[in-house]
Amino acid sequence: MRISEVSRLSSVPASTLRYYERIGLIASEREHNGYRDYDAQVLDRLALVVGAKQLDLSLPEIADLLGAVEGDTCTQVRDSLRPRLAERLRKVDERLATLQRLRGRLVAASRRVDACPDSGDRCHSECMLLRDRACDAQPGRSGIGR
């Protein structure tokens, strides 16, 4: 198969295919005219690469996985993947907790901003983001520390 056909069938851009070939994730034979010729097995490898990338595995991890899938038993592959996926899941859970805290702070800040009164006085907007309740618009007061 030519690179354009592999790209179309795998939904992987040709530039990415060339990069994957350069780093050894896939291989091709060269025709006499210099065109790359991929065998049908490259689609299976690409499906694994795409799936692993969706799990946020790095390219070196994917290369290890490809080697394991091609040379190890299902039990060995499972035992190799299990700790990697558990660690990735732990990191995602940490990130979700961080994002939930951020969301809570953003909701509270939005409420404080919404509660600020209309005023022709100089704005002390810092109090909207730092305080737990809306700022009283009072000239000459910054709202910090109140």
C-alpha atoms as a PDB file:
ATOM      1  CA  MET A   1       0.000   0.000   0.000  1.00  0.00           C
ATOM      2  CA  ARG A   2       1.129   3.517  -0.701  1.00  0.00           C
ATOM      3  CA  ILE A   3       1.377   6.116   2.026  1.00  0.00           C
ATOM      4  CA  SER A   4      -1.750   7.913   0.814  1.00  0.00           C
ATOM      5  CA  GLU A   5      -3.802   4.727   1.094  1.00  0.00           C
ATOM      6  CA  VAL A   6      -2.447   3.905   4.560  1.00  0.00           C
ATOM      7  CA  SER A   7      -3.122   7.478   5.630  1.00  0.00           C
ATOM      8  CA  ARG A   8      -6.688   7.299   4.376  1.00  0.00           C
ATOM      9  CA  LEU A   9      -7.401   3.874   5.903  1.00  0.00           C
ATOM     10  CA  SER A  10      -5.842   4.684   9.267  1.00  0.00           C
ATOM     11  CA  SER A  11      -6.860   8.369   9.481  1.00  0.00           C
ATOM     12  CA  VAL A  12      -3.217   9.141  10.302  1.00  0.00           C
ATOM     13  CA  PRO A  13      -1.661  12.000   8.314  1.00  0.00           C
ATOM     14  CA  ALA A  14       1.115  11.072   5.897  1.00  0.00           C
ATOM     15  CA  SER A  15       3.566  13.301   7.786  1.00  0.00           C
ATOM     16  CA  THR A  16       2.818  11.335  10.974  1.00  0.00           C
ATOM     17  CA  LEU A  17       3.312   8.052   9.110  1.00  0.00           C
ATOM     18  CA  ARG A  18       6.710   9.239   7.919  1.00  0.00           C
ATOM     19  CA  TYR A  19       7.594  10.275  11.498  1.00  0.00           C
ATOM     20  CA  TYR A  20       6.449   6.927  12.912  1.00  0.00           C
ATOM     21  CA  GLU A  21       8.594   5.199  10.318  1.00  0.00           C
ATOM     22  CA  ARG A  22      11.582   7.391  11.164  1.00  0.00           C
ATOM     23  CA  ILE A  23      11.345   6.473  14.874  1.00  0.00           C
ATOM     24  CA  GLY A  24      10.714   2.786  14.155  1.00  0.00           C
ATOM     25  CA  LEU A  25       7.045   2.338  15.065  1.00  0.00           C
ATOM     26  CA  ILE A  26       6.197   1.202  11.537  1.00  0.00           C
ATOM     27  CA  ALA A  27       8.237   0.058   8.573  1.00  0.00           C
ATOM     28  CA  SER A  28       7.970   0.177   4.808  1.00  0.00           C
ATOM     29  CA  GLU A  29       9.792  -1.141   1.818  1.00  0.00           C
ATOM     30  CA  ARG A  30      10.972   1.254  -0.872  1.00  0.00           C
ATOM     31  CA  GLU A  31       9.884   0.708  -4.425  1.00  0.00           C
ATOM     32  CA  HIS A  32      12.360   1.297  -7.271  1.00  0.00           C
ATOM     33  CA  ASN A  33      10.880   4.800  -7.739  1.00  0.00           C
ATOM     34  CA  GLY A  34      11.438   5.661  -4.046  1.00  0.00           C
ATOM     35  CA  TYR A  35       7.809   5.389  -2.977  1.00  0.00           C
ATOM     36  CA  ARG A  36       7.118   3.771   0.363  1.00  0.00           C
ATOM     37  CA  ASP A  37       5.253   0.475   0.209  1.00  0.00           C
ATOM     38  CA  TYR A  38       3.513  -0.647   3.418  1.00  0.00           C
ATOM     39  CA  ASP A  39       2.257  -4.162   4.027  1.00  0.00           C
ATOM     40  CA  ALA A  40      -1.223  -4.807   5.406  1.00  0.00           C
ATOM     41  CA  GLN A  41       0.130  -5.413   8.925  1.00  0.00           C
ATOM     42  CA  VAL A  42       1.022  -1.736   9.238  1.00  0.00           C
ATOM     43  CA  LEU A  43      -2.685  -0.976   9.696  1.00  0.00           C
ATOM     44  CA  ASP A  44      -2.785  -3.255  12.750  1.00  0.00           C
ATOM     45  CA  ARG A  45       0.282  -1.542  14.196  1.00  0.00           C
ATOM     46  CA  LEU A  46      -1.236   1.875  13.517  1.00  0.00           C
ATOM     47  CA  ALA A  47      -4.497   0.855  15.197  1.00  0.00           C
ATOM     48  CA  LEU A  48      -2.482  -0.089  18.284  1.00  0.00           C
ATOM     49  CA  VAL A  49      -0.490   3.162  18.142  1.00  0.00           C
ATOM     50  CA  VAL A  50      -3.649   5.263  17.804  1.00  0.00           C
ATOM     51  CA  GLY A  51      -5.341   3.400  20.666  1.00  0.00           C
ATOM     52  CA  ALA A  52      -2.286   3.749  22.898  1.00  0.00           C
ATOM     53  CA  LYS A  53      -2.026   7.468  22.127  1.00  0.00           C
ATOM     54  CA  GLN A  54      -5.677   7.861  23.150  1.00  0.00           C
ATOM     55  CA  LEU A  55      -4.599   6.456  26.529  1.00  0.00           C
ATOM     56  CA  ASP A  56      -1.869   9.128  26.636  1.00  0.00           C
ATOM     57  CA  LEU A  57       0.992   6.653  26.401  1.00  0.00           C
ATOM     58  CA  SER A  58       4.245   8.184  25.204  1.00  0.00           C
ATOM     59  CA  LEU A  59       5.837   7.110  21.934  1.00  0.00           C
ATOM     60  CA  PRO A  60       8.640   5.237  23.770  1.00  0.00           C
ATOM     61  CA  GLU A  61       5.968   3.422  25.819  1.00  0.00           C
ATOM     62  CA  ILE A  62       4.110   2.636  22.600  1.00  0.00           C
ATOM     63  CA  ALA A  63       7.298   1.268  21.032  1.00  0.00           C
ATOM     64  CA  ASP A  64       7.755  -1.013  24.073  1.00  0.00           C
ATOM     65  CA  LEU A  65       4.126  -2.078  23.809  1.00  0.00           C
ATOM     66  CA  LEU A  66       4.474  -2.904  20.107  1.00  0.00           C
ATOM     67  CA  GLY A  67       7.511  -5.024  20.885  1.00  0.00           C
ATOM     68  CA  ALA A  68       5.657  -6.806  23.671  1.00  0.00           C
ATOM     69  CA  VAL A  69       2.550  -7.422  21.573  1.00  0.00           C
ATOM     70  CA  GLU A  70       4.645  -8.944  18.803  1.00  0.00           C
ATOM     71  CA  GLY A  71       6.867 -11.067  21.019  1.00  0.00           C
ATOM     72  CA  ASP A  72       5.137 -11.773  24.325  1.00  0.00           C
ATOM     73  CA  THR A  73       2.129 -13.748  25.422  1.00  0.00           C
ATOM     74  CA  CYS A  74      -1.181 -12.085  26.231  1.00  0.00           C
ATOM     75  CA  THR A  75      -0.446 -12.637  29.923  1.00  0.00           C
ATOM     76  CA  GLN A  76       2.911 -10.887  29.629  1.00  0.00           C
ATOM     77  CA  VAL A  77       1.377  -7.965  27.719  1.00  0.00           C
ATOM     78  CA  ARG A  78      -1.400  -7.663  30.302  1.00  0.00           C
ATOM     79  CA  ASP A  79       1.085  -7.752  33.172  1.00  0.00           C
ATOM     80  CA  SER A  80       3.200  -5.108  31.442  1.00  0.00           C
ATOM     81  CA  LEU A  81       0.255  -2.833  30.709  1.00  0.00           C
ATOM     82  CA  ARG A  82      -1.502  -3.103  34.058  1.00  0.00           C
ATOM     83  CA  PRO A  83       0.944  -0.930  36.091  1.00  0.00           C
ATOM     84  CA  ARG A  84       1.293   1.615  33.272  1.00  0.00           C
ATOM     85  CA  LEU A  85      -2.444   2.058  33.015  1.00  0.00           C
ATOM     86  CA  ALA A  86      -2.841   2.187  36.811  1.00  0.00           C
ATOM     87  CA  GLU A  87      -0.233   4.956  37.007  1.00  0.00           C
ATOM     88  CA  ARG A  88      -1.844   6.861  34.147  1.00  0.00           C
ATOM     89  CA  LEU A  89      -5.225   6.523  35.890  1.00  0.00           C
ATOM     90  CA  ARG A  90      -3.729   7.816  39.153  1.00  0.00           C
ATOM     91  CA  LYS A  91      -2.378  10.886  37.337  1.00  0.00           C
ATOM     92  CA  VAL A  92      -5.727  11.501  35.641  1.00  0.00           C
ATOM     93  CA  ASP A  93      -7.502  11.282  39.011  1.00  0.00           C
ATOM     94  CA  GLU A  94      -5.046  13.824  40.457  1.00  0.00           C
ATOM     95  CA  ARG A  95      -5.639  16.132  37.504  1.00  0.00           C
ATOM     96  CA  LEU A  96      -9.422  15.754  37.828  1.00  0.00           C
ATOM     97  CA  ALA A  97      -9.235  16.670  41.528  1.00  0.00           C
ATOM     98  CA  THR A  98      -7.140  19.735  40.665  1.00  0.00           C
ATOM     99  CA  LEU A  99      -9.611  20.727  37.958  1.00  0.00           C
ATOM    100  CA  GLN A 100     -12.561  20.268  40.362  1.00  0.00           C
ATOM    101  CA  ARG A 101     -10.874  22.611  42.877  1.00  0.00           C
ATOM    102  CA  LEU A 102     -10.219  25.111  40.097  1.00  0.00           C
ATOM    103  CA  ARG A 103     -13.828  24.847  38.967  1.00  0.00           C
ATOM    104  CA  GLY A 104     -15.039  25.581  42.477  1.00  0.00           C
ATOM    105  CA  ARG A 105     -12.816  28.649  42.708  1.00  0.00           C
ATOM    106  CA  LEU A 106     -14.011  29.868  39.293  1.00  0.00           C
ATOM    107  CA  VAL A 107     -17.668  29.416  40.229  1.00  0.00           C
ATOM    108  CA  ALA A 108     -17.132  31.343  43.475  1.00  0.00           C
ATOM    109  CA  ALA A 109     -15.220  34.106  41.670  1.00  0.00           C
ATOM    110  CA  SER A 110     -17.973  34.344  39.029  1.00  0.00           C
ATOM    111  CA  ARG A 111     -20.587  34.732  41.733  1.00  0.00           C
ATOM    112  CA  ARG A 112     -18.556  37.461  43.426  1.00  0.00           C
ATOM    113  CA  VAL A 113     -18.128  39.294  40.129  1.00  0.00           C
ATOM    114  CA  ASP A 114     -21.850  38.979  39.387  1.00  0.00           C
ATOM    115  CA  ALA A 115     -22.672  40.374  42.861  1.00  0.00           C
ATOM    116  CA  CYS A 116     -20.541  43.497  42.511  1.00  0.00           C
ATOM    117  CA  PRO A 117     -22.723  46.578  42.376  1.00  0.00           C
ATOM    118  CA  ASP A 118     -22.905  49.043  39.530  1.00  0.00           C
ATOM    119  CA  SER A 119     -20.875  52.054  40.551  1.00  0.00           C
ATOM    120  CA  GLY A 120     -19.331  55.131  39.025  1.00  0.00           C
ATOM    121  CA  ASP A 121     -16.481  54.955  41.571  1.00  0.00           C
ATOM    122  CA  ARG A 122     -13.030  53.557  40.868  1.00  0.00           C
ATOM    123  CA  CYS A 123     -13.215  49.763  40.642  1.00  0.00           C
ATOM    124  CA  HIS A 124     -11.490  47.633  43.227  1.00  0.00           C
ATOM    125  CA  SER A 125     -11.811  44.449  41.246  1.00  0.00           C
ATOM    126  CA  GLU A 126      -9.117  42.649  43.197  1.00  0.00           C
ATOM    127  CA  CYS A 127     -11.638  42.146  46.000  1.00  0.00           C
ATOM    128  CA  MET A 128     -13.914  40.244  43.613  1.00  0.00           C
ATOM    129  CA  LEU A 129     -11.281  37.568  43.125  1.00  0.00           C
ATOM    130  CA  LEU A 130      -9.805  37.465  46.632  1.00  0.00           C
ATOM    131  CA  ARG A 131     -12.816  37.616  48.910  1.00  0.00           C
ATOM    132  CA  ASP A 132     -15.575  35.206  49.709  1.00  0.00           C
ATOM    133  CA  ARG A 133     -18.320  37.799  49.283  1.00  0.00           C
ATOM    134  CA  ALA A 134     -18.965  40.752  46.991  1.00  0.00           C
ATOM    135  CA  CYS A 135     -16.930  43.865  47.565  1.00  0.00           C
ATOM    136  CA  ASP A 136     -18.624  46.931  48.994  1.00  0.00           C
ATOM    137  CA  ALA A 137     -17.812  49.732  46.615  1.00  0.00           C
ATOM    138  CA  GLN A 138     -16.210  52.258  48.941  1.00  0.00           C
ATOM    139  CA  PRO A 139     -13.854  54.899  47.589  1.00  0.00           C
ATOM    140  CA  GLY A 140     -10.338  54.701  48.997  1.00  0.00           C
ATOM    141  CA  ARG A 141     -10.562  51.056  50.127  1.00  0.00           C
ATOM    142  CA  SER A 142      -8.848  48.310  48.211  1.00  0.00           C
ATOM    143  CA  GLY A 143     -10.891  45.464  49.607  1.00  0.00           C
ATOM    144  CA  ILE A 144      -7.748  43.495  50.403  1.00  0.00           C
ATOM    145  CA  GLY A 145      -7.662  42.159  53.920  1.00  0.00           C
ATOM    146  CA  ARG A 146     -11.285  42.947  54.673  1.00  0.00           C
END
